[in-house]
């Protein structure tokens, strides 16, 4: 087993910065959307949904803040992990010549996954508010499945790119 894992710090790529702007922006916009609509939201709101996006439990409107709180906690945790690519798993062929490439690909996977999670939580939050307001009847399961599929694609794409890194 290769224990070669130096702590190397290097700046984010442009695509990582753009992904952060989109992901964190979506999360912030969903919170602003909730706050702007707060006065029109009834006291009892949809609080849980089945796999098809239909409401299967109602709760107090303050529960609309549960997802954003969880999303921010995940964002902080994933941001900390993203900054330490030497903690990720790499193949034994990791060495001084290819370390930056491996770390960059690993960090990109974490970054894109983190930001897709942000978009997923933002989407569910906005849709929950819209259901509470009576604008729509259920969550868009197609959108949610699409975001989850995108996460899987990001992970597999990153793994394939790492497999192509030479010794």
Foldseek 3Di string as FASTA:
>chain_A
DALPQDFDFDDADPVLVVLCCQLVVLLVVLVVLCVVCVVLFDQKFQQDADLQFAGDDIDGPVSLCVLSVVLVVLLVVLVVVLRGLSPDDADNQDDPVCPVVLNNLSSQLSSNLSSLSSNLSSLVSNVRRCCSNVVDRGRDSVVNVVSVVVNVVSVVVSVVSRVPDDD
